[in-house]
């Protein structure tokens, strides 16, 4: 996301470029909901130009919408000469998405986009949260990276629709939710114990996926189940649909020796290479001699 001051020579005051172009004089005339409400929230109402490009399609479970909101709020703060903490950045993005846009979304995507890296997040009933960085040996992080395969199912969906149904079912799935919560400590223990085989995390993912798909019949589909079973039969130990479910990206955990077989079996899907990121949302300022 890039933000710059718009020349007074232009007749319109606001220029937005994403997968379409909007040139407007007033915030109220902006079609894109997140652009409109973030600009309103930050009181950036005139002579501003914003360009957005993304590597991945929207509505695919990778937190792209929350990453956009976090990045935009961060950029607008910098544009106004303000510095914001990662904690406040996450809180502002959560406020925009949940209170202003009225979306049924959680808090984890905004927090992870703001902070980056491996973290344990503890959420409290009063809507506050604590961030505890997970200290993981570099070799284990590399093993984790080398055991993962990410595929795009080709299916997009509105996560808020699926999340809304899951939330409405929460009172009927207390036992499953409690089990998923307990898996957090187990997962961190595996990642922080050099003597524990990394493959145990894949097994934990498999158990977690079975619990997650039981929360709503919209989390998975026959097509997703077919993809998952194909991956397991070809050598994956575990995996899951990322995000709310219903489509998007599917992650598999498998020993590196089985990756080629899995990619061949799922060759109709788009395999996406990725690397872990440890910085979170950051600001780069353009000067005549380049970025800094």
Protein backbone atom coordinates (compact mmCIF):
# COMPACT_ATOMS: atom_id res chain seq x y z
CA UNK A 1 0.00 0.00 0.00
CA UNK A 2 1.50 3.34 -1.03
CA UNK A 3 0.17 6.72 0.08
CA UNK A 4 1.18 10.14 -1.17
CA UNK A 5 -0.14 13.67 -1.30
CA UNK A 6 -2.21 14.43 -4.40
CA UNK A 7 -1.34 17.51 -6.42
CA UNK A 8 -3.72 20.43 -6.06
CA UNK A 9 -3.74 20.58 -9.87
CA UNK A 10 -6.08 17.56 -9.97
CA UNK A 11 -9.76 18.35 -9.95
CA UNK A 12 -10.62 15.37 -7.74
CA UNK A 13 -9.30 15.21 -4.18
CA UNK A 14 -9.01 11.44 -3.62
CA UNK A 15 -7.52 8.82 -5.96
CA UNK A 16 -7.70 5.13 -5.06
CA UNK A 17 -6.22 2.38 -7.22
CA UNK A 18 -6.78 -1.30 -6.45
CA UNK A 19 -8.44 -3.73 -8.88
CA UNK A 20 -10.37 -0.68 -10.03
CA UNK A 21 -9.80 3.09 -9.94
CA UNK A 22 -11.86 5.54 -7.91
CA UNK A 23 -11.54 9.31 -8.32
CA UNK A 24 -13.78 11.18 -5.92
CA UNK A 25 -14.09 14.50 -4.09
CA UNK A 26 -15.63 13.15 -0.90
CA UNK A 27 -15.07 10.17 1.38
CA UNK A 28 -18.81 9.47 1.20
CA UNK A 29 -18.46 8.80 -2.54
CA UNK A 30 -15.90 5.97 -2.09
CA UNK A 31 -17.30 2.56 -3.02
CA UNK A 32 -14.63 0.39 -1.35
CA UNK A 33 -15.84 -0.06 2.28
CA UNK A 34 -12.44 -0.45 3.95
CA UNK A 35 -10.88 2.45 2.07
CA UNK A 36 -13.88 4.65 2.86
CA UNK A 37 -14.05 3.92 6.59
CA UNK A 38 -10.28 3.92 7.21
CA UNK A 39 -9.99 7.32 5.53
CA UNK A 40 -12.95 8.59 7.54
CA UNK A 41 -11.52 7.18 10.79
CA UNK A 42 -8.12 8.79 10.13
CA UNK A 43 -9.73 12.04 8.92
CA UNK A 44 -7.81 11.90 5.63
CA UNK A 45 -10.36 13.57 3.42
CA UNK A 46 -8.56 15.47 0.70
CA UNK A 47 -5.57 15.57 -1.65
CA UNK A 48 -4.54 11.97 -1.09
CA UNK A 49 -3.55 9.20 -3.51
CA UNK A 50 -3.42 5.54 -2.49
CA UNK A 51 -2.29 2.51 -4.52
CA UNK A 52 -2.86 -1.08 -3.41
CA UNK A 53 -1.43 -4.25 -4.94
CA UNK A 54 -1.68 -7.77 -3.55
CA UNK A 55 -0.08 -11.10 -4.39
CA UNK A 56 -3.07 -13.24 -3.47
CA UNK A 57 -6.80 -13.26 -4.23
CA UNK A 58 -9.23 -11.98 -1.62
CA UNK A 59 -11.60 -14.17 0.42
CA UNK A 60 -9.19 -17.11 0.57
CA UNK A 61 -8.50 -17.54 4.30
CA UNK A 62 -5.06 -15.96 4.48
CA UNK A 63 -6.18 -12.84 6.31
CA UNK A 64 -5.76 -10.61 3.27
CA UNK A 65 -8.63 -8.28 4.23
CA UNK A 66 -7.29 -7.71 7.73
CA UNK A 67 -3.75 -7.32 6.39
CA UNK A 68 -5.11 -4.65 4.06
CA UNK A 69 -6.84 -2.81 6.91
CA UNK A 70 -3.74 -3.00 9.12
CA UNK A 71 -1.47 -1.83 6.30
CA UNK A 72 -3.76 1.03 5.32
CA UNK A 73 -4.15 2.33 8.88
CA UNK A 74 -0.38 2.09 9.38
CA UNK A 75 0.28 3.96 6.13
CA UNK A 76 -2.29 6.68 6.90
CA UNK A 77 -0.77 7.24 10.33
CA UNK A 78 2.67 7.63 8.76
CA UNK A 79 1.20 9.93 6.10
CA UNK A 80 -0.04 12.20 8.90
CA UNK A 81 3.35 12.09 10.63
CA UNK A 82 2.15 9.81 13.43
CA UNK A 83 3.85 6.73 14.85
CA UNK A 84 1.62 3.99 16.18
CA UNK A 85 2.47 0.94 18.29
CA UNK A 86 1.74 -2.51 16.92
CA UNK A 87 -0.74 -3.07 19.75
CA UNK A 88 -2.71 0.08 18.88
CA UNK A 89 -2.45 -0.70 15.16
CA UNK A 90 -4.10 -4.08 15.71
CA UNK A 91 -6.77 -2.55 17.98
CA UNK A 92 -7.65 0.13 15.42
CA UNK A 93 -7.95 -2.44 12.63
CA UNK A 94 -10.19 -4.62 14.82
CA UNK A 95 -12.37 -1.60 15.62
CA UNK A 96 -12.76 -0.69 11.93
CA UNK A 97 -13.66 -4.23 10.85
CA UNK A 98 -15.90 -5.21 13.76
CA UNK A 99 -17.52 -1.98 14.94
CA UNK A 100 -17.57 0.21 11.84
CA UNK A 101 -17.87 -2.31 8.99
CA UNK A 102 -19.90 -4.71 11.18
CA UNK A 103 -18.07 -7.75 9.85
CA UNK A 104 -18.19 -11.08 11.67
CA UNK A 105 -14.45 -11.54 11.99
CA UNK A 106 -12.09 -12.55 14.74
CA UNK A 107 -9.13 -10.65 16.17
CA UNK A 108 -6.21 -12.90 15.30
CA UNK A 109 -5.66 -11.81 11.68
CA UNK A 110 -5.28 -8.13 12.54
CA UNK A 111 -2.94 -8.89 15.45
CA UNK A 112 -0.70 -11.22 13.44
CA UNK A 113 -0.59 -8.82 10.49
CA UNK A 114 0.51 -6.02 12.82
CA UNK A 115 3.08 -8.01 14.81
CA UNK A 116 4.35 -10.71 12.43
CA UNK A 117 6.29 -13.77 13.57
CA UNK A 118 5.25 -16.60 15.88
CA UNK A 119 3.09 -15.51 18.79
CA UNK A 120 0.75 -16.87 21.41
CA UNK A 121 -2.29 -14.62 21.69
CA UNK A 122 -4.46 -14.78 24.82
CA UNK A 123 -7.89 -13.20 24.39
CA UNK A 124 -9.86 -11.96 27.38
CA UNK A 125 -13.64 -11.48 27.92
CA UNK A 126 -13.23 -7.67 28.03
CA UNK A 127 -11.88 -7.70 24.42
CA UNK A 128 -8.28 -7.11 25.54
CA UNK A 129 -5.47 -9.45 24.53
CA UNK A 130 -1.90 -10.32 25.43
CA UNK A 131 0.87 -11.11 22.93
CA UNK A 132 3.63 -13.51 23.94
CA UNK A 133 6.33 -14.08 21.30
CA UNK A 134 7.01 -17.80 20.87
CA UNK A 135 10.77 -18.33 21.05
CA UNK A 136 11.53 -21.11 18.57
CA UNK A 137 14.91 -22.50 17.59
CA UNK A 138 15.96 -21.44 14.07
CA UNK A 139 16.51 -25.06 13.01
CA UNK A 140 13.00 -26.01 14.11
CA UNK A 141 11.54 -23.06 12.17
CA UNK A 142 13.39 -24.32 9.07
CA UNK A 143 12.06 -27.85 9.65
CA UNK A 144 8.55 -26.45 10.03
CA UNK A 145 8.93 -24.50 6.79
CA UNK A 146 10.24 -27.57 4.95
CA UNK A 147 7.35 -29.75 6.09
CA UNK A 148 4.57 -27.48 4.78
CA UNK A 149 2.79 -27.35 1.43
CA UNK A 150 0.25 -24.66 0.53
CA UNK A 151 -2.32 -25.02 -2.25
CA UNK A 152 -5.09 -22.76 -3.55
CA UNK A 153 -8.31 -24.73 -3.88
CA UNK A 154 -9.68 -22.28 -6.45
CA UNK A 155 -12.69 -21.64 -4.21
CA UNK A 156 -13.38 -18.16 -2.82
CA UNK A 157 -15.96 -17.35 -0.19
CA UNK A 158 -17.06 -14.64 2.23
CA UNK A 159 -15.46 -15.68 5.53
CA UNK A 160 -17.92 -13.59 7.56
CA UNK A 161 -20.81 -15.80 6.37
CA UNK A 162 -19.06 -18.95 7.59
CA UNK A 163 -17.79 -17.29 10.77
CA UNK A 164 -21.31 -16.09 11.58
CA UNK A 165 -22.64 -19.64 11.48
CA UNK A 166 -19.74 -20.99 13.52
CA UNK A 167 -20.24 -18.33 16.18
CA UNK A 168 -23.95 -19.11 16.38
CA UNK A 169 -23.03 -22.76 17.03
CA UNK A 170 -20.38 -22.09 19.69
CA UNK A 171 -22.67 -22.80 22.64
CA UNK A 172 -23.28 -26.28 21.21
CA UNK A 173 -19.57 -26.99 20.70
CA UNK A 174 -17.95 -26.01 24.00
CA UNK A 175 -16.13 -29.34 24.29
CA UNK A 176 -14.60 -29.06 20.80
CA UNK A 177 -13.56 -25.44 21.37
CA UNK A 178 -11.95 -26.35 24.68
CA UNK A 179 -10.00 -29.14 22.97
CA UNK A 180 -8.81 -26.74 20.27
CA UNK A 181 -7.69 -24.29 22.97
CA UNK A 182 -5.67 -27.01 24.73
CA UNK A 183 -3.90 -27.77 21.45
CA UNK A 184 -2.26 -24.32 21.59
CA UNK A 185 -0.04 -25.32 24.51
CA UNK A 186 0.64 -28.70 22.94
CA UNK A 187 1.65 -27.09 19.64
CA UNK A 188 3.96 -24.57 21.30
CA UNK A 189 5.51 -27.38 23.37
CA UNK A 190 6.31 -29.33 20.18
CA UNK A 191 7.88 -26.30 18.51
CA UNK A 192 9.98 -25.41 21.56
CA UNK A 193 11.25 -28.94 22.23
CA UNK A 194 14.20 -29.95 19.99
CA UNK A 195 13.82 -33.57 21.12
CA UNK A 196 10.18 -33.82 19.96
CA UNK A 197 9.74 -34.93 16.32
CA UNK A 198 8.36 -32.05 14.24
CA UNK A 199 6.01 -34.53 12.59
CA UNK A 200 3.99 -34.53 15.84
CA UNK A 201 2.78 -31.05 14.89
CA UNK A 202 1.34 -32.47 11.68
CA UNK A 203 -0.56 -35.08 13.66
CA UNK A 204 -1.87 -32.33 15.93
CA UNK A 205 -3.02 -30.34 12.87
CA UNK A 206 -4.96 -33.38 11.67
CA UNK A 207 -6.81 -33.66 14.99
CA UNK A 208 -7.41 -29.90 15.03
CA UNK A 209 -8.87 -30.00 11.50
CA UNK A 210 -11.34 -32.72 12.50
CA UNK A 211 -12.51 -30.57 15.41
CA UNK A 212 -12.69 -27.40 13.31
CA UNK A 213 -14.81 -28.98 10.57
CA UNK A 214 -17.29 -30.18 13.22
CA UNK A 215 -18.08 -26.57 14.22
CA UNK A 216 -20.21 -25.94 11.13
CA UNK A 217 -21.19 -27.83 7.99
CA UNK A 218 -19.92 -24.82 6.02
CA UNK A 219 -16.29 -25.22 7.14
CA UNK A 220 -15.69 -27.99 4.64
CA UNK A 221 -17.29 -29.20 1.42
CA UNK A 222 -17.20 -32.52 -0.47
CA UNK A 223 -14.61 -30.97 -2.80
CA UNK A 224 -12.42 -29.86 0.10
CA UNK A 225 -12.77 -33.26 1.78
CA UNK A 226 -11.68 -34.91 -1.47
CA UNK A 227 -8.59 -32.68 -1.69
CA UNK A 228 -7.70 -33.30 1.95
CA UNK A 229 -8.06 -37.07 1.69
CA UNK A 230 -5.97 -37.10 -1.49
CA UNK A 231 -3.18 -35.29 0.34
CA UNK A 232 -3.33 -37.66 3.31
CA UNK A 233 -3.32 -40.76 1.08
CA UNK A 234 -0.27 -39.42 -0.77
CA UNK A 235 1.83 -38.91 2.36
CA UNK A 236 0.63 -35.86 4.30
CA UNK A 237 0.38 -36.34 8.07
CA UNK A 238 -2.11 -33.55 8.62
CA UNK A 239 -3.42 -30.28 7.31
CA UNK A 240 -6.32 -27.87 7.33
CA UNK A 241 -8.25 -25.30 5.37
CA UNK A 242 -6.94 -21.90 6.44
CA UNK A 243 -9.21 -19.17 7.74
CA UNK A 244 -12.92 -19.64 8.31
CA UNK A 245 -13.17 -22.53 5.86
CA UNK A 246 -15.39 -23.23 2.88
CA UNK A 247 -12.61 -22.63 0.36
CA UNK A 248 -9.44 -20.66 -0.08
CA UNK A 249 -6.07 -22.19 0.76
CA UNK A 250 -5.35 -25.64 2.16
CA UNK A 251 -2.16 -26.33 4.09
CA UNK A 252 -0.58 -29.79 4.31
CA UNK A 253 2.05 -31.02 6.73
CA UNK A 254 4.22 -33.75 5.26
CA UNK A 255 7.77 -35.04 5.31
CA UNK A 256 9.81 -33.37 2.54
CA UNK A 257 10.39 -36.72 0.81
CA UNK A 258 6.62 -36.91 0.12
CA UNK A 259 6.18 -33.37 -1.25
CA UNK A 260 6.78 -34.30 -4.86
CA UNK A 261 4.12 -37.02 -4.74
CA UNK A 262 1.61 -34.70 -3.11
CA UNK A 263 2.23 -31.91 -5.63
CA UNK A 264 1.81 -34.39 -8.48
CA UNK A 265 -1.40 -35.79 -7.00
CA UNK A 266 -2.82 -32.27 -6.56
CA UNK A 267 -1.37 -30.80 -9.77
CA UNK A 268 -4.74 -29.32 -10.74
CA UNK A 269 -4.39 -26.98 -7.76
CA UNK A 270 -2.03 -23.99 -7.61
CA UNK A 271 0.94 -24.71 -5.35
CA UNK A 272 2.08 -21.51 -3.61
CA UNK A 273 5.58 -21.23 -2.13
CA UNK A 274 5.83 -19.12 1.02
CA UNK A 275 8.22 -18.10 3.78
CA UNK A 276 7.56 -17.18 7.39
CA UNK A 277 7.60 -13.45 8.15
CA UNK A 278 8.84 -11.92 11.39
CA UNK A 279 8.36 -8.15 11.13
CA UNK A 280 4.66 -7.53 10.63
CA UNK A 281 3.32 -4.33 9.10
CA UNK A 282 6.10 -1.82 8.50
CA UNK A 283 6.54 1.64 6.99
CA UNK A 284 8.98 2.50 4.22
CA UNK A 285 9.46 6.18 3.38
CA UNK A 286 10.36 7.14 -0.18
CA UNK A 287 13.01 9.80 -0.58
CA UNK A 288 14.75 11.07 -3.75
CA UNK A 289 17.56 8.54 -3.28
CA UNK A 290 15.21 5.59 -2.67
CA UNK A 291 13.31 3.90 0.12
CA UNK A 292 14.43 3.76 3.72
